[in-house]
Amino acid sequence: MTDVFGLSHKDASPTTSQAAHEQVVFCADERSGLRAIIAIYSTALGPSLGGTRFYPYESEQAALADVLNLSRAMAYKNALAGLDLGGGKAVIIGDPAKDKSEALLRAYGRFVQSLGGRYLTACDVGTYSEDMDVIARESEYVTGRTPANGGAGDSSILTAYGVFQGMRAAAAHSYDTPTLRGRRIGVEGVGKVGHRLVDLLVEDGAEVIVCDVDDQAVQRVRQRHPRVEVAADQAELTAAELDVYAPCALGGALDDDTVARLRATIVCGGANNQLAHPGVEKLLADRGILYAPDYVVNSGGVIQVADEIGGFNMDRARAKASQIFDTTLKIFGIASEEGVPPAVAADRLAERRMSEVGRIRAIWLGR
């Protein structure tokens, strides 16, 4: 791959992996150190919405692969969340603890603004509501802002709530009761979303075991919930006796080896792109493990920031996020009726909405 970051702004020429995307933009500002990629997968349902991930990728290729996957997932997520929004995503290459600055964020905001509203940004891994306030000084197409600036604040609140609703739906489907009381839940990753999910699970009466590469994150959870158990790592967690495995760290948690040792009967978590490669959903189904598609159950966050576009109201956003329970149950029902894994059923449902509503949006309004 050529060093596209030597250029100040460039629309990528479609490659095989980019062909399905409407637009992929490489952005750079040498003086601030900004290197970013914005990927717009689809605007069939409306402007593309997706967060900005600030992460120290090992290579530009790795960053590009991630943003392409994440933007596609956002299109499907927004479709199944019932939003009139398409799917997009952005990544900033770097260590947010070292490289993030006002100048870098404002430079990034200029690139977001240059797309004229085709892409709306929000928080993701490595970015926070306070960062969105800085970006918004250069762009009007920013959500997930602080409450002091009219925003929804931390989107992990409803992300975790939505995962909890999806997990309740999986329990209703598998155990005939929409509660996690008495169930043993393994949560991998107790950061912004994971620690809030633990709060909800403990409140519901579940037994929780956690793991995280950040010992401080684990200790913060233990301080709030002393009875929570701790696994040494992901391998130990997934090999434990669990009812539900909840991946809430980065993507790719479910590969062949993990599925082979997994003893849980349900997988439902907040991480994006949990399936390491196509076919993992069938491996889970063959082992009798119910998979709640990640982009369905973790859509509470995007519901929260999308509500901000029209003037944020938490009660309204929470009520819409509660519908994740019904959507997840519907997907399990379709999967059973059609004899396909839930991930396939979810894809079909999302693609149907993008096709049907996208066609209607193409009707000329005469203005």
Protein backbone atom coordinates (compact mmCIF):
# COMPACT_ATOMS: atom_id res chain seq x y z
CA MET A 1 0.00 0.00 0.00
CA THR A 2 1.40 3.37 -0.92
CA ASP A 3 1.94 5.97 1.76
CA VAL A 4 -1.37 7.73 1.21
CA PHE A 5 -0.80 9.70 4.39
CA GLY A 6 1.76 11.77 2.56
CA LEU A 7 -1.28 13.45 0.97
CA SER A 8 -3.45 15.99 2.78
CA HIS A 9 -6.77 14.55 1.59
CA LYS A 10 -7.54 11.70 -0.75
CA ASP A 11 -10.54 9.63 -1.78
CA ALA A 12 -9.30 6.08 -2.10
CA SER A 13 -9.60 4.29 -5.41
CA PRO A 14 -11.78 1.20 -4.83
CA THR A 15 -9.92 -2.02 -4.19
CA THR A 16 -11.53 -5.44 -3.87
CA SER A 17 -12.09 -4.92 -0.14
CA GLN A 18 -13.38 -1.36 -0.64
CA ALA A 19 -15.63 -2.04 -3.62
CA ALA A 20 -18.84 -2.30 -1.57
CA HIS A 21 -18.20 1.05 0.13
CA GLU A 22 -19.52 4.31 -1.25
CA GLN A 23 -16.47 6.31 -0.21
CA VAL A 24 -13.18 5.82 1.64
CA VAL A 25 -11.23 8.96 2.51
CA PHE A 26 -7.65 9.16 3.76
CA CYS A 27 -6.86 12.32 5.75
CA ALA A 28 -3.59 13.72 7.05
CA ASP A 29 -2.25 16.85 8.65
CA GLU A 30 1.50 16.64 9.11
CA ARG A 31 1.95 19.38 11.72
CA SER A 32 -0.67 18.04 14.14
CA GLY A 33 0.28 14.43 13.41
CA LEU A 34 -3.21 13.50 12.20
CA ARG A 35 -3.51 10.31 10.17
CA ALA A 36 -7.11 9.20 9.75
CA ILE A 37 -9.38 7.15 7.52
CA ILE A 38 -13.12 7.79 7.12
CA ALA A 39 -15.14 4.99 5.50
CA ILE A 40 -18.73 5.43 4.32
CA TYR A 41 -20.34 2.07 3.61
CA SER A 42 -23.89 3.16 2.78
CA THR A 43 -26.13 6.21 2.81
CA ALA A 44 -29.20 4.31 1.58
CA LEU A 45 -31.12 5.09 4.77
CA GLY A 46 -29.62 8.53 5.37
CA PRO A 47 -26.31 10.16 6.34
CA SER A 48 -23.77 7.64 7.61
CA LEU A 49 -23.23 7.60 11.37
CA GLY A 50 -20.43 5.90 13.27
CA GLY A 51 -17.82 6.69 15.88
CA THR A 52 -14.19 7.68 15.58
CA ARG A 53 -11.73 5.11 16.92
CA PHE A 54 -8.34 6.42 18.11
CA TYR A 55 -6.01 3.43 18.22
CA PRO A 56 -2.29 2.62 17.70
CA TYR A 57 -2.69 0.31 14.72
CA GLU A 58 0.40 -1.65 13.79
CA SER A 59 0.07 -0.59 10.16
CA GLU A 60 -2.01 1.49 7.76
CA GLN A 61 -3.31 -1.75 6.26
CA ALA A 62 -4.60 -2.86 9.67
CA ALA A 63 -6.31 0.49 10.17
CA LEU A 64 -7.92 0.31 6.75
CA ALA A 65 -9.18 -3.24 7.31
CA ASP A 66 -10.68 -2.23 10.65
CA VAL A 67 -12.47 0.86 9.38
CA LEU A 68 -13.91 -1.03 6.40
CA ASN A 69 -15.29 -3.76 8.65
CA LEU A 70 -16.57 -1.34 11.27
CA SER A 71 -18.33 0.93 8.76
CA ARG A 72 -20.14 -2.01 7.17
CA ALA A 73 -21.25 -3.20 10.60
CA MET A 74 -22.54 0.31 11.37
CA ALA A 75 -24.78 0.24 8.29
CA TYR A 76 -26.34 -3.02 9.43
CA LYS A 77 -26.52 -1.85 13.05
CA ASN A 78 -28.28 1.40 12.17
CA ALA A 79 -30.69 -0.44 9.89
CA LEU A 80 -31.74 -2.91 12.59
CA ALA A 81 -31.92 -0.17 15.21
CA GLY A 82 -34.69 1.38 13.11
CA LEU A 83 -32.69 4.55 12.44
CA ASP A 84 -32.88 6.61 9.26
CA LEU A 85 -29.10 6.61 9.08
CA GLY A 86 -26.50 4.84 7.00
CA GLY A 87 -23.23 3.31 8.12
CA GLY A 88 -19.82 4.93 8.42
CA LYS A 89 -16.79 4.84 10.68
CA ALA A 90 -13.48 6.59 11.15
CA VAL A 91 -10.14 5.64 12.66
CA ILE A 92 -7.31 7.87 13.81
CA ILE A 93 -3.96 6.09 13.86
CA GLY A 94 -2.00 6.76 17.03
CA ASP A 95 -1.86 6.35 20.78
CA PRO A 96 -4.58 8.58 22.26
CA ALA A 97 -2.63 8.85 25.52
CA LYS A 98 0.34 10.36 23.68
CA ASP A 99 -0.83 11.71 20.35
CA LYS A 100 -4.23 13.27 21.02
CA SER A 101 -4.20 17.09 20.99
CA GLU A 102 -6.55 19.98 20.33
CA ALA A 103 -4.84 20.68 17.01
CA LEU A 104 -5.14 17.07 15.86
CA LEU A 105 -8.82 16.80 16.80
CA ARG A 106 -9.66 20.12 15.17
CA ALA A 107 -7.80 19.12 12.00
CA TYR A 108 -9.82 15.93 11.98
CA GLY A 109 -13.00 17.98 12.41
CA ARG A 110 -12.17 19.91 9.26
CA PHE A 111 -12.05 16.68 7.27
CA VAL A 112 -15.39 15.55 8.71
CA GLN A 113 -16.87 18.92 7.76
CA SER A 114 -15.48 18.63 4.24
CA LEU A 115 -17.76 15.64 3.58
CA GLY A 116 -20.78 17.93 3.81
CA GLY A 117 -22.85 15.78 6.15
CA ARG A 118 -22.38 12.44 4.43
CA TYR A 119 -20.66 11.27 7.63
CA LEU A 120 -21.66 12.05 11.24
CA THR A 121 -19.08 11.17 13.86
CA ALA A 122 -19.30 10.20 17.54
CA CYS A 123 -17.23 8.52 20.27
CA ASP A 124 -15.57 5.13 20.05
CA VAL A 125 -12.51 3.40 21.50
CA GLY A 126 -9.99 6.07 22.49
CA THR A 127 -12.35 9.04 22.08
CA TYR A 128 -14.73 10.66 24.52
CA SER A 129 -17.52 13.24 24.62
CA GLU A 130 -15.01 15.94 25.49
CA ASP A 131 -13.12 15.09 22.29
CA MET A 132 -16.35 15.45 20.31
CA ASP A 133 -16.74 18.97 21.73
CA VAL A 134 -13.31 19.85 20.33
CA ILE A 135 -14.06 18.28 16.93
CA ALA A 136 -17.37 20.16 16.86
CA ARG A 137 -15.48 23.47 16.91
CA GLU A 138 -14.61 22.69 13.28
CA SER A 139 -17.59 20.58 12.19
CA GLU A 140 -21.36 20.65 12.59
CA TYR A 141 -21.60 16.91 11.93
CA VAL A 142 -20.72 15.67 15.41
CA THR A 143 -22.80 13.72 17.95
CA GLY A 144 -21.98 12.18 21.31
CA ARG A 145 -21.15 15.59 22.79
CA THR A 146 -21.13 16.47 26.48
CA PRO A 147 -24.44 17.33 28.17
CA ALA A 148 -23.09 20.85 28.83
CA ASN A 149 -22.98 21.33 25.06
CA GLY A 150 -26.42 19.85 24.39
CA GLY A 151 -25.17 16.33 23.78
CA ALA A 152 -26.07 12.85 24.96
CA GLY A 153 -22.82 12.36 26.84
CA ASP A 154 -21.23 8.95 27.28
CA SER A 155 -22.85 6.57 24.76
CA SER A 156 -21.62 3.53 26.70
CA ILE A 157 -24.61 4.01 29.02
CA LEU A 158 -27.16 2.80 26.48
CA THR A 159 -24.68 0.51 24.73
CA ALA A 160 -24.45 -1.55 27.91
CA TYR A 161 -28.20 -1.26 28.45
CA GLY A 162 -28.85 -2.57 24.93
CA VAL A 163 -26.47 -5.51 25.40
CA PHE A 164 -28.32 -6.32 28.60
CA GLN A 165 -31.65 -6.26 26.71
CA GLY A 166 -30.19 -8.55 24.04
CA MET A 167 -28.92 -10.90 26.73
CA ARG A 168 -32.38 -10.95 28.33
CA ALA A 169 -33.83 -11.89 24.93
CA ALA A 170 -31.29 -14.70 24.56
CA ALA A 171 -32.23 -15.95 28.03
CA ALA A 172 -35.92 -15.82 27.11
CA HIS A 173 -35.19 -17.82 23.95
CA SER A 174 -32.91 -20.38 25.63
CA TYR A 175 -34.28 -20.60 29.17
CA ASP A 176 -37.87 -19.40 28.69
CA THR A 177 -37.35 -16.51 31.11
CA PRO A 178 -36.02 -13.00 30.37
CA THR A 179 -33.74 -12.80 33.40
CA LEU A 180 -30.10 -13.55 34.13
CA ARG A 181 -30.75 -14.25 37.80
CA GLY A 182 -28.65 -17.20 38.94
CA ARG A 183 -26.85 -17.42 35.59
CA ARG A 184 -23.05 -17.34 35.36
CA ILE A 185 -21.87 -14.62 32.98
CA GLY A 186 -18.29 -14.17 31.76
CA VAL A 187 -17.52 -10.58 30.72
CA GLU A 188 -14.34 -10.04 28.71
CA GLY A 189 -13.33 -6.39 28.85
CA VAL A 190 -14.61 -4.14 31.62
CA GLY A 191 -13.91 -0.75 30.08
CA LYS A 192 -16.51 1.85 29.10
CA VAL A 193 -19.22 -0.67 28.17
CA GLY A 194 -18.16 -3.78 30.07
CA HIS A 195 -18.16 -2.26 33.55
CA ARG A 196 -21.66 -0.84 33.02
CA LEU A 197 -22.85 -4.24 31.82
CA VAL A 198 -21.47 -5.82 34.99
CA ASP A 199 -23.51 -3.31 37.03
CA LEU A 200 -26.71 -4.35 35.24
CA LEU A 201 -25.96 -8.07 35.54
CA VAL A 202 -25.20 -7.89 39.26
CA GLU A 203 -28.37 -5.89 39.80
CA ASP A 204 -30.31 -8.61 37.96
CA GLY A 205 -28.87 -11.29 40.24
CA ALA A 206 -26.31 -12.88 37.92
CA GLU A 207 -23.00 -14.41 38.98
CA VAL A 208 -20.23 -12.57 37.11
CA ILE A 209 -16.64 -13.44 36.25
CA VAL A 210 -14.50 -10.89 34.39
CA CYS A 211 -11.14 -10.49 32.68
CA ASP A 212 -9.32 -7.52 31.19
CA VAL A 213 -5.77 -6.76 30.09
CA ASP A 214 -6.01 -3.64 32.26
CA ASP A 215 -5.64 -4.67 35.91
CA GLN A 216 -6.87 -1.27 37.07
CA ALA A 217 -10.14 -1.73 35.18
CA VAL A 218 -10.63 -5.08 36.90
CA GLN A 219 -9.90 -3.58 40.31
CA ARG A 220 -12.43 -0.79 39.74
CA VAL A 221 -15.09 -3.43 39.10
CA ARG A 222 -14.04 -5.42 42.17
CA GLN A 223 -14.30 -2.31 44.33
CA ARG A 224 -17.91 -1.83 43.21
CA HIS A 225 -18.78 -5.53 43.28
CA PRO A 226 -16.49 -7.53 45.61
CA ARG A 227 -18.22 -10.82 44.74
CA VAL A 228 -17.27 -10.60 41.08
CA GLU A 229 -14.70 -13.26 40.17
CA VAL A 230 -11.62 -12.63 38.04
CA ALA A 231 -10.14 -14.84 35.30
CA ALA A 232 -6.48 -14.53 34.37
CA ASP A 233 -7.15 -14.07 30.66
CA GLN A 234 -9.57 -14.71 27.82
CA ALA A 235 -8.55 -18.36 27.48
CA GLU A 236 -9.33 -19.05 31.13
CA LEU A 237 -12.59 -17.11 30.95
CA THR A 238 -13.92 -18.89 27.86
CA ALA A 239 -12.96 -22.31 29.24
CA ALA A 240 -14.88 -21.68 32.47
CA GLU A 241 -18.34 -23.04 33.24
CA LEU A 242 -20.52 -20.24 31.91
CA ASP A 243 -24.07 -19.72 30.80
CA VAL A 244 -23.23 -16.59 28.82
CA TYR A 245 -19.96 -15.31 27.35
CA ALA A 246 -19.99 -11.53 26.82
CA PRO A 247 -17.10 -10.22 24.66
CA CYS A 248 -16.82 -6.49 25.41
CA ALA A 249 -13.23 -5.78 24.34
CA LEU A 250 -11.96 -5.37 20.77
CA GLY A 251 -13.22 -7.41 17.81
CA GLY A 252 -12.28 -10.89 16.65
CA ALA A 253 -12.86 -12.54 20.04
CA LEU A 254 -14.62 -15.54 18.50
CA ASP A 255 -12.15 -17.54 16.43
CA ASP A 256 -11.97 -21.29 15.86
CA ASP A 257 -9.94 -21.98 19.01
CA THR A 258 -12.18 -19.88 21.25
CA VAL A 259 -15.35 -21.51 19.93
CA ALA A 260 -13.81 -24.97 20.41
CA ARG A 261 -13.12 -24.41 24.11
CA LEU A 262 -16.19 -22.29 24.84
CA ARG A 263 -18.52 -23.87 27.39
CA ALA A 264 -21.19 -21.18 27.43
CA THR A 265 -24.57 -21.75 25.78
CA ILE A 266 -25.04 -18.07 24.81
CA VAL A 267 -22.69 -15.46 23.35
CA CYS A 268 -23.88 -11.88 23.77
CA GLY A 269 -21.53 -8.94 24.23
CA GLY A 270 -20.77 -5.34 23.41
CA ALA A 271 -17.67 -5.70 21.20
CA ASN A 272 -17.91 -4.94 17.49
CA ASN A 273 -17.04 -7.55 14.84
CA GLN A 274 -16.83 -10.43 17.31
CA LEU A 275 -16.63 -13.13 14.62
CA ALA A 276 -12.98 -13.46 13.56
CA HIS A 277 -13.89 -14.68 10.08
CA PRO A 278 -16.91 -15.82 8.03
CA GLY A 279 -18.04 -19.27 9.10
CA VAL A 280 -17.60 -18.78 12.84
CA GLU A 281 -21.35 -18.25 13.15
CA LYS A 282 -21.86 -21.79 11.78
CA LEU A 283 -19.28 -23.21 14.21
CA LEU A 284 -21.26 -21.69 17.07
CA ALA A 285 -24.55 -23.03 15.70
CA ASP A 286 -23.07 -26.50 15.20
CA ARG A 287 -22.03 -26.54 18.87
CA GLY A 288 -25.50 -25.45 19.96
CA ILE A 289 -24.28 -22.04 21.15
CA LEU A 290 -26.79 -19.22 20.62
CA TYR A 291 -25.07 -16.14 19.18
CA ALA A 292 -26.75 -12.76 19.62
CA PRO A 293 -25.37 -10.76 16.67
CA ASP A 294 -23.09 -8.04 18.03
CA TYR A 295 -24.33 -5.22 15.83
CA VAL A 296 -27.89 -5.88 16.99
CA VAL A 297 -27.35 -5.97 20.74
CA ASN A 298 -24.71 -3.23 20.96
CA SER A 299 -26.77 -0.66 19.04
CA GLY A 300 -27.89 1.18 22.18
CA GLY A 301 -24.97 3.57 21.88
CA VAL A 302 -25.77 4.61 18.34
CA ILE A 303 -29.42 4.99 19.33
CA GLN A 304 -28.29 7.33 22.09
CA VAL A 305 -26.13 9.55 19.89
CA ALA A 306 -28.64 9.49 17.01
CA ASP A 307 -31.29 10.86 19.34
CA GLU A 308 -29.00 13.82 19.92
CA ILE A 309 -29.45 14.95 16.30
CA GLY A 310 -32.99 16.14 17.02
CA GLY A 311 -32.30 17.40 20.56
CA PHE A 312 -31.41 14.73 23.09
CA ASN A 313 -33.93 13.15 25.45
CA MET A 314 -32.65 10.22 27.54
CA ASP A 315 -36.10 8.78 28.27
CA ARG A 316 -36.91 8.67 24.56
CA ALA A 317 -33.53 7.15 23.71
CA ARG A 318 -33.78 4.54 26.47
CA ALA A 319 -37.27 3.56 25.30
CA LYS A 320 -35.95 3.00 21.77
CA ALA A 321 -32.96 1.02 23.12
CA SER A 322 -35.41 -1.19 25.02
CA GLN A 323 -36.67 -2.37 21.62
CA ILE A 324 -33.38 -4.24 21.19
CA PHE A 325 -35.03 -6.98 23.27
CA ASP A 326 -37.84 -7.42 20.69
CA THR A 327 -35.52 -7.13 17.69
CA THR A 328 -33.17 -9.79 19.09
CA LEU A 329 -36.08 -12.15 19.79
CA LYS A 330 -37.37 -11.57 16.25
CA ILE A 331 -33.98 -12.50 14.81
CA PHE A 332 -33.84 -15.70 16.85
CA GLY A 333 -37.33 -16.55 15.56
CA ILE A 334 -36.35 -15.95 11.91
CA ALA A 335 -33.20 -18.03 12.40
CA SER A 336 -35.24 -20.95 13.76
CA GLU A 337 -37.87 -20.70 11.01
CA GLU A 338 -35.35 -20.47 8.17
CA GLY A 339 -32.79 -22.89 9.62
CA VAL A 340 -29.92 -20.40 9.56
CA PRO A 341 -27.61 -18.97 12.26
CA PRO A 342 -28.88 -15.76 13.93
CA ALA A 343 -26.07 -13.77 12.29
CA VAL A 344 -27.39 -14.73 8.85
CA ALA A 345 -30.97 -13.92 9.88
CA ALA A 346 -29.88 -10.50 11.16
CA ASP A 347 -27.99 -9.74 7.93
CA ARG A 348 -31.05 -10.62 5.87
CA LEU A 349 -33.33 -8.43 7.96
CA ALA A 350 -30.94 -5.47 7.77
CA GLU A 351 -30.38 -5.86 4.02
CA ARG A 352 -34.13 -6.04 3.46
CA ARG A 353 -34.68 -2.73 5.26
CA MET A 354 -31.80 -1.02 3.48
CA SER A 355 -33.15 -2.21 0.13
CA GLU A 356 -36.83 -1.44 0.72
CA VAL A 357 -36.44 1.92 2.47
CA GLY A 358 -33.47 2.89 0.30
CA ARG A 359 -35.64 2.40 -2.78
CA ILE A 360 -38.38 4.64 -1.31
CA ARG A 361 -35.86 7.34 -0.53
CA ALA A 362 -34.94 7.40 -4.22
CA ILE A 363 -38.40 8.73 -5.13
CA TRP A 364 -37.98 12.28 -6.41
CA LEU A 365 -39.61 14.90 -4.20
CA GLY A 366 -39.64 17.60 -6.85
CA ARG A 367 -37.48 20.10 -5.09
